[in-house]
C-alpha atoms as a PDB file:
ATOM      1  CA  UNK A   1      12.332 -11.729 -13.361  1.00  0.00           C
ATOM      2  CA  UNK A   2      13.279 -11.694  -9.702  1.00  0.00           C
ATOM      3  CA  UNK A   3      16.216 -13.918  -8.817  1.00  0.00           C
ATOM      4  CA  UNK A   4      18.104 -14.624  -5.611  1.00  0.00           C
ATOM      5  CA  UNK A   5      21.789 -15.099  -4.999  1.00  0.00           C
ATOM      6  CA  UNK A   6      21.096 -18.804  -4.477  1.00  0.00           C
ATOM      7  CA  UNK A   7      19.400 -19.096  -7.856  1.00  0.00           C
ATOM      8  CA  UNK A   8      22.252 -17.247  -9.545  1.00  0.00           C
ATOM      9  CA  UNK A   9      24.925 -19.378  -7.861  1.00  0.00           C
ATOM     10  CA  UNK A  10      23.233 -22.462  -9.254  1.00  0.00           C
ATOM     11  CA  UNK A  11      22.937 -20.836 -12.694  1.00  0.00           C
ATOM     12  CA  UNK A  12      26.653 -19.974 -12.686  1.00  0.00           C
ATOM     13  CA  UNK A  13      27.849 -23.143 -10.967  1.00  0.00           C
ATOM     14  CA  UNK A  14      30.122 -23.976 -13.915  1.00  0.00           C
ATOM     15  CA  UNK A  15      32.199 -20.868 -13.146  1.00  0.00           C
ATOM     16  CA  UNK A  16      35.205 -21.129 -10.855  1.00  0.00           C
ATOM     17  CA  UNK A  17      33.806 -18.353  -8.660  1.00  0.00           C
ATOM     18  CA  UNK A  18      30.014 -17.943  -9.081  1.00  0.00           C
ATOM     19  CA  UNK A  19      29.869 -15.050  -6.622  1.00  0.00           C
ATOM     20  CA  UNK A  20      32.467 -13.136  -8.595  1.00  0.00           C
ATOM     21  CA  UNK A  21      30.425 -13.742 -11.767  1.00  0.00           C
ATOM     22  CA  UNK A  22      27.305 -12.402 -10.016  1.00  0.00           C
ATOM     23  CA  UNK A  23      29.228  -9.295  -8.964  1.00  0.00           C
ATOM     24  CA  UNK A  24      30.384  -8.669 -12.534  1.00  0.00           C
ATOM     25  CA  UNK A  25      26.866  -9.143 -13.906  1.00  0.00           C
ATOM     26  CA  UNK A  26      25.530  -6.619 -11.387  1.00  0.00           C
ATOM     27  CA  UNK A  27      28.256  -4.126 -12.255  1.00  0.00           C
ATOM     28  CA  UNK A  28      27.476  -4.445 -15.961  1.00  0.00           C
ATOM     29  CA  UNK A  29      23.738  -3.991 -15.399  1.00  0.00           C
ATOM     30  CA  UNK A  30      22.768  -7.444 -16.663  1.00  0.00           C
ATOM     31  CA  UNK A  31      21.147  -7.992 -13.281  1.00  0.00           C
ATOM     32  CA  UNK A  32      20.008  -5.200 -10.945  1.00  0.00           C
ATOM     33  CA  UNK A  33      20.325  -5.469  -7.187  1.00  0.00           C
ATOM     34  CA  UNK A  34      17.081  -4.577  -5.430  1.00  0.00           C
ATOM     35  CA  UNK A  35      18.292  -5.495  -1.940  1.00  0.00           C
ATOM     36  CA  UNK A  36      20.904  -7.764  -0.442  1.00  0.00           C
ATOM     37  CA  UNK A  37      20.631 -11.204  -2.033  1.00  0.00           C
ATOM     38  CA  UNK A  38      17.810 -10.289  -4.452  1.00  0.00           C
ATOM     39  CA  UNK A  39      18.129  -9.116  -8.058  1.00  0.00           C
ATOM     40  CA  UNK A  40      15.903  -8.186 -11.002  1.00  0.00           C
ATOM     41  CA  UNK A  41      16.747  -9.073 -14.596  1.00  0.00           C
ATOM     42  CA  UNK A  42      14.334  -6.665 -16.350  1.00  0.00           C
ATOM     43  CA  UNK A  43      15.326  -2.967 -16.118  1.00  0.00           C
ATOM     44  CA  UNK A  44      11.872  -1.934 -17.410  1.00  0.00           C
ATOM     45  CA  UNK A  45       9.755  -3.785 -14.855  1.00  0.00           C
ATOM     46  CA  UNK A  46       7.056  -1.779 -13.037  1.00  0.00           C
ATOM     47  CA  UNK A  47       8.804  -0.754  -9.803  1.00  0.00           C
ATOM     48  CA  UNK A  48       5.843  -1.594  -7.574  1.00  0.00           C
ATOM     49  CA  UNK A  49       5.950  -5.226  -8.724  1.00  0.00           C
ATOM     50  CA  UNK A  50       9.131  -5.604  -6.660  1.00  0.00           C
ATOM     51  CA  UNK A  51       7.909  -4.299  -3.300  1.00  0.00           C
ATOM     52  CA  UNK A  52       6.905  -7.590  -1.673  1.00  0.00           C
ATOM     53  CA  UNK A  53      10.196  -9.194  -2.727  1.00  0.00           C
ATOM     54  CA  UNK A  54      12.139  -6.428  -0.983  1.00  0.00           C
ATOM     55  CA  UNK A  55      10.413  -7.059   2.348  1.00  0.00           C
ATOM     56  CA  UNK A  56       8.073  -9.905   3.251  1.00  0.00           C
ATOM     57  CA  UNK A  57       5.414 -10.259   4.504  1.00  0.00           C
ATOM     58  CA  UNK A  58       4.047  -7.068   3.029  1.00  0.00           C
ATOM     59  CA  UNK A  59       1.468  -5.735   0.597  1.00  0.00           C
ATOM     60  CA  UNK A  60       1.039  -2.435  -1.270  1.00  0.00           C
ATOM     61  CA  UNK A  61      -0.973   0.096   0.720  1.00  0.00           C
ATOM     62  CA  UNK A  62      -1.059   3.618   2.210  1.00  0.00           C
ATOM     63  CA  UNK A  63      -0.450   6.506  -0.204  1.00  0.00           C
ATOM     64  CA  UNK A  64       0.591   4.269  -3.093  1.00  0.00           C
ATOM     65  CA  UNK A  65      -2.700   2.353  -2.995  1.00  0.00           C
ATOM     66  CA  UNK A  66      -4.742   5.524  -2.436  1.00  0.00           C
ATOM     67  CA  UNK A  67      -3.191   6.969  -5.596  1.00  0.00           C
ATOM     68  CA  UNK A  68      -3.603   3.653  -7.444  1.00  0.00           C
ATOM     69  CA  UNK A  69      -7.365   3.778  -6.821  1.00  0.00           C
ATOM     70  CA  UNK A  70      -7.726   7.504  -7.529  1.00  0.00           C
ATOM     71  CA  UNK A  71      -8.577   8.410  -3.943  1.00  0.00           C
ATOM     72  CA  UNK A  72      -5.856  11.070  -3.895  1.00  0.00           C
ATOM     73  CA  UNK A  73      -4.883  13.206  -6.889  1.00  0.00           C
ATOM     74  CA  UNK A  74      -1.110  13.053  -6.510  1.00  0.00           C
ATOM     75  CA  UNK A  75       1.155  10.523  -8.154  1.00  0.00           C
ATOM     76  CA  UNK A  76       3.226   9.303  -5.228  1.00  0.00           C
ATOM     77  CA  UNK A  77       7.008   9.299  -5.222  1.00  0.00           C
ATOM     78  CA  UNK A  78       7.505   6.437  -2.770  1.00  0.00           C
ATOM     79  CA  UNK A  79       6.099   2.916  -3.133  1.00  0.00           C
ATOM     80  CA  UNK A  80       4.426   2.331   0.219  1.00  0.00           C
ATOM     81  CA  UNK A  81       3.573  -1.021   1.770  1.00  0.00           C
ATOM     82  CA  UNK A  82       2.089  -2.408   4.976  1.00  0.00           C
ATOM     83  CA  UNK A  83       4.330  -4.850   6.814  1.00  0.00           C
ATOM     84  CA  UNK A  84       4.557  -6.945   9.990  1.00  0.00           C
ATOM     85  CA  UNK A  85       7.086  -7.270  12.790  1.00  0.00           C
ATOM     86  CA  UNK A  86       9.532  -4.598  11.568  1.00  0.00           C
ATOM     87  CA  UNK A  87       8.955  -2.567  14.787  1.00  0.00           C
ATOM     88  CA  UNK A  88       9.860   0.652  13.008  1.00  0.00           C
ATOM     89  CA  UNK A  89       9.441   2.069   9.533  1.00  0.00           C
ATOM     90  CA  UNK A  90      11.879   0.686   6.981  1.00  0.00           C
ATOM     91  CA  UNK A  91      13.070   2.301   3.758  1.00  0.00           C
ATOM     92  CA  UNK A  92      14.940   0.758   0.839  1.00  0.00           C
ATOM     93  CA  UNK A  93      16.262   2.700  -2.134  1.00  0.00           C
ATOM     94  CA  UNK A  94      17.485   1.067  -5.337  1.00  0.00           C
ATOM     95  CA  UNK A  95      17.621   1.754  -9.065  1.00  0.00           C
ATOM     96  CA  UNK A  96      13.839   1.324  -9.335  1.00  0.00           C
ATOM     97  CA  UNK A  97      12.882   3.800  -6.639  1.00  0.00           C
ATOM     98  CA  UNK A  98      12.149   4.296  -2.954  1.00  0.00           C
ATOM     99  CA  UNK A  99      10.231   1.670  -0.984  1.00  0.00           C
ATOM    100  CA  UNK A 100       8.715   2.465   2.421  1.00  0.00           C
ATOM    101  CA  UNK A 101       7.278  -0.137   4.793  1.00  0.00           C
ATOM    102  CA  UNK A 102       5.189   0.496   7.928  1.00  0.00           C
ATOM    103  CA  UNK A 103       3.693  -2.031  10.323  1.00  0.00           C
ATOM    104  CA  UNK A 104      -0.017  -2.455  10.939  1.00  0.00           C
ATOM    105  CA  UNK A 105      -1.734  -4.619  13.602  1.00  0.00           C
ATOM    106  CA  UNK A 106      -1.411  -8.382  13.184  1.00  0.00           C
ATOM    107  CA  UNK A 107      -5.176  -8.852  13.344  1.00  0.00           C
ATOM    108  CA  UNK A 108      -5.751  -6.465  10.455  1.00  0.00           C
ATOM    109  CA  UNK A 109      -2.860  -7.586   8.239  1.00  0.00           C
ATOM    110  CA  UNK A 110      -4.442 -10.476   6.257  1.00  0.00           C
ATOM    111  CA  UNK A 111      -7.808  -8.796   5.692  1.00  0.00           C
ATOM    112  CA  UNK A 112      -9.009  -6.705   2.756  1.00  0.00           C
ATOM    113  CA  UNK A 113      -6.415  -7.730   0.190  1.00  0.00           C
ATOM    114  CA  UNK A 114      -6.562  -8.285  -3.548  1.00  0.00           C
ATOM    115  CA  UNK A 115      -4.028  -8.815  -6.340  1.00  0.00           C
ATOM    116  CA  UNK A 116      -2.627  -6.818  -9.226  1.00  0.00           C
ATOM    117  CA  UNK A 117       0.194  -7.289 -11.714  1.00  0.00           C
ATOM    118  CA  UNK A 118       0.963  -8.958 -15.011  1.00  0.00           C
ATOM    119  CA  UNK A 119       2.514 -12.230 -16.129  1.00  0.00           C
ATOM    120  CA  UNK A 120       4.911 -13.602 -13.556  1.00  0.00           C
ATOM    121  CA  UNK A 121       4.573 -10.454 -11.441  1.00  0.00           C
ATOM    122  CA  UNK A 122       1.470 -10.852  -9.287  1.00  0.00           C
ATOM    123  CA  UNK A 123       1.535  -8.741  -6.125  1.00  0.00           C
ATOM    124  CA  UNK A 124      -0.786  -8.199  -3.181  1.00  0.00           C
ATOM    125  CA  UNK A 125      -2.390  -4.817  -2.739  1.00  0.00           C
ATOM    126  CA  UNK A 126      -4.897  -3.460  -0.246  1.00  0.00           C
ATOM    127  CA  UNK A 127      -8.426  -2.866  -1.459  1.00  0.00           C
ATOM    128  CA  UNK A 128      -9.237   0.824  -1.419  1.00  0.00           C
ATOM    129  CA  UNK A 129     -11.156   0.291   1.830  1.00  0.00           C
ATOM    130  CA  UNK A 130      -8.172  -1.406   3.446  1.00  0.00           C
ATOM    131  CA  UNK A 131      -5.790   1.279   2.175  1.00  0.00           C
ATOM    132  CA  UNK A 132      -7.955   3.928   3.839  1.00  0.00           C
ATOM    133  CA  UNK A 133      -7.927   2.029   7.141  1.00  0.00           C
ATOM    134  CA  UNK A 134      -4.166   1.435   6.997  1.00  0.00           C
ATOM    135  CA  UNK A 135      -3.595   5.115   6.266  1.00  0.00           C
ATOM    136  CA  UNK A 136      -5.831   6.303   9.096  1.00  0.00           C
ATOM    137  CA  UNK A 137      -3.912   4.007  11.436  1.00  0.00           C
ATOM    138  CA  UNK A 138      -0.681   5.763  10.441  1.00  0.00           C
ATOM    139  CA  UNK A 139      -1.863   9.376  10.100  1.00  0.00           C
ATOM    140  CA  UNK A 140      -2.019  11.865  12.959  1.00  0.00           C
ATOM    141  CA  UNK A 141      -4.752  11.225  15.518  1.00  0.00           C
ATOM    142  CA  UNK A 142      -7.874  13.381  15.473  1.00  0.00           C
ATOM    143  CA  UNK A 143     -10.552  13.550  18.153  1.00  0.00           C
ATOM    144  CA  UNK A 144     -13.844  14.305  16.423  1.00  0.00           C
ATOM    145  CA  UNK A 145     -15.770  13.438  13.276  1.00  0.00           C
ATOM    146  CA  UNK A 146     -15.303  17.033  12.146  1.00  0.00           C
ATOM    147  CA  UNK A 147     -11.554  16.643  12.620  1.00  0.00           C
ATOM    148  CA  UNK A 148     -11.624  13.363  10.700  1.00  0.00           C
ATOM    149  CA  UNK A 149     -13.420  14.971   7.747  1.00  0.00           C
ATOM    150  CA  UNK A 150     -10.852  17.765   7.699  1.00  0.00           C
ATOM    151  CA  UNK A 151      -8.046  15.202   7.788  1.00  0.00           C
ATOM    152  CA  UNK A 152      -9.523  13.115   4.980  1.00  0.00           C
ATOM    153  CA  UNK A 153     -10.956  15.687   2.594  1.00  0.00           C
ATOM    154  CA  UNK A 154      -8.820  18.764   3.230  1.00  0.00           C
ATOM    155  CA  UNK A 155      -5.423  17.728   4.579  1.00  0.00           C
ATOM    156  CA  UNK A 156      -5.087  14.454   2.621  1.00  0.00           C
ATOM    157  CA  UNK A 157      -7.296  15.545  -0.292  1.00  0.00           C
ATOM    158  CA  UNK A 158      -9.279  12.311  -0.440  1.00  0.00           C
ATOM    159  CA  UNK A 159     -11.698  12.481  -3.370  1.00  0.00           C
ATOM    160  CA  UNK A 160     -15.175  12.614  -1.783  1.00  0.00           C
ATOM    161  CA  UNK A 161     -16.956  10.896  -4.657  1.00  0.00           C
ATOM    162  CA  UNK A 162     -14.427   8.060  -4.660  1.00  0.00           C
ATOM    163  CA  UNK A 163     -14.815   7.788  -0.893  1.00  0.00           C
ATOM    164  CA  UNK A 164     -18.609   7.622  -1.281  1.00  0.00           C
ATOM    165  CA  UNK A 165     -18.208   4.682  -3.688  1.00  0.00           C
ATOM    166  CA  UNK A 166     -16.481   2.569  -1.014  1.00  0.00           C
ATOM    167  CA  UNK A 167     -18.025  -0.619   0.303  1.00  0.00           C
ATOM    168  CA  UNK A 168     -19.030   0.773   3.697  1.00  0.00           C
ATOM    169  CA  UNK A 169     -19.861  -2.637   5.093  1.00  0.00           C
ATOM    170  CA  UNK A 170     -16.311  -3.764   4.361  1.00  0.00           C
ATOM    171  CA  UNK A 171     -14.877  -0.445   5.543  1.00  0.00           C
ATOM    172  CA  UNK A 172     -16.697  -0.730   8.880  1.00  0.00           C
ATOM    173  CA  UNK A 173     -15.639  -4.351   9.361  1.00  0.00           C
ATOM    174  CA  UNK A 174     -12.003  -3.539   8.654  1.00  0.00           C
ATOM    175  CA  UNK A 175     -11.963  -0.411  10.826  1.00  0.00           C
ATOM    176  CA  UNK A 176     -12.857  -2.495  13.889  1.00  0.00           C
ATOM    177  CA  UNK A 177      -9.585  -4.448  13.584  1.00  0.00           C
ATOM    178  CA  UNK A 178      -7.291  -1.515  14.415  1.00  0.00           C
ATOM    179  CA  UNK A 179      -8.501  -0.357  17.854  1.00  0.00           C
ATOM    180  CA  UNK A 180      -7.413   3.190  17.098  1.00  0.00           C
ATOM    181  CA  UNK A 181      -9.291   6.469  17.633  1.00  0.00           C
ATOM    182  CA  UNK A 182      -9.172   7.475  13.957  1.00  0.00           C
ATOM    183  CA  UNK A 183     -10.808   4.212  12.921  1.00  0.00           C
ATOM    184  CA  UNK A 184     -13.523   4.464  15.576  1.00  0.00           C
ATOM    185  CA  UNK A 185     -14.299   7.925  14.253  1.00  0.00           C
ATOM    186  CA  UNK A 186     -14.417   6.542  10.722  1.00  0.00           C
ATOM    187  CA  UNK A 187     -17.182   4.160  11.785  1.00  0.00           C
ATOM    188  CA  UNK A 188     -19.004   7.121  13.321  1.00  0.00           C
ATOM    189  CA  UNK A 189     -18.636   9.120  10.108  1.00  0.00           C
ATOM    190  CA  UNK A 190     -20.033   6.243   8.045  1.00  0.00           C
ATOM    191  CA  UNK A 191     -22.996   5.808  10.363  1.00  0.00           C
ATOM    192  CA  UNK A 192     -23.674   9.545  10.401  1.00  0.00           C
ATOM    193  CA  UNK A 193     -23.227  10.522   6.756  1.00  0.00           C
ATOM    194  CA  UNK A 194     -23.152   7.394   4.569  1.00  0.00           C
ATOM    195  CA  UNK A 195     -25.945   5.111   5.745  1.00  0.00           C
ATOM    196  CA  UNK A 196     -27.956   3.286   3.035  1.00  0.00           C
ATOM    197  CA  UNK A 197     -30.657   5.429   1.490  1.00  0.00           C
ATOM    198  CA  UNK A 198     -28.739   8.663   1.859  1.00  0.00           C
ATOM    199  CA  UNK A 199     -27.133  10.663  -0.936  1.00  0.00           C
ATOM    200  CA  UNK A 200     -24.658  13.405  -0.134  1.00  0.00           C
ATOM    201  CA  UNK A 201     -24.177  16.657  -2.002  1.00  0.00           C
ATOM    202  CA  UNK A 202     -20.372  16.638  -2.253  1.00  0.00           C
ATOM    203  CA  UNK A 203     -20.178  20.394  -2.780  1.00  0.00           C
ATOM    204  CA  UNK A 204     -21.944  21.230   0.499  1.00  0.00           C
ATOM    205  CA  UNK A 205     -21.675  18.022   2.511  1.00  0.00           C
ATOM    206  CA  UNK A 206     -25.443  18.191   3.078  1.00  0.00           C
ATOM    207  CA  UNK A 207     -27.645  15.154   2.850  1.00  0.00           C
ATOM    208  CA  UNK A 208     -30.231  15.048   0.075  1.00  0.00           C
ATOM    209  CA  UNK A 209     -33.565  13.469   0.936  1.00  0.00           C
ATOM    210  CA  UNK A 210     -35.251  11.130  -1.539  1.00  0.00           C
ATOM    211  CA  UNK A 211     -38.942  11.259  -2.270  1.00  0.00           C
END
């Protein structure tokens, strides 16, 4: 479980020097420091369960969430999260791994979230639609729908069938919250290629007509 220095001081209040006891416990591996003032007691915990405790407010997103949902084929090395008010990207490294945090717009932050986890570890994670929007906010800017398709399906290797299974109503609503060229182009791509009643041939990118 996740514990703070304050919780541990209370737990060890019978000791002459609780802080010294905490230090010894950390050195022995009984507790594991995940950042200043915060520790984990289970060495086998899923590393991504700890992300929001390392920096708050935040939620799992970007490449980690894209991989989580099968939108990209790679298993990511870093646990990536969207954050607020950090002004610049922040990175934390501990025994459990590398944690990267990047800001997104305040207006977009609380939208498109769900939960994952187990037992006492319940963490917020972007829906796959929100993870796509967050990622497009962070990725290099493109200037055409053709450029956006190249960015998504060639450069970033987004799975086209998984993309086609997105909730495009939600994706369009979320994209409007970022006020960024990539997201405006995403809305254009949806309107052009993924309107209701259309089915795309993912090998050619051509629309198949029904009836």
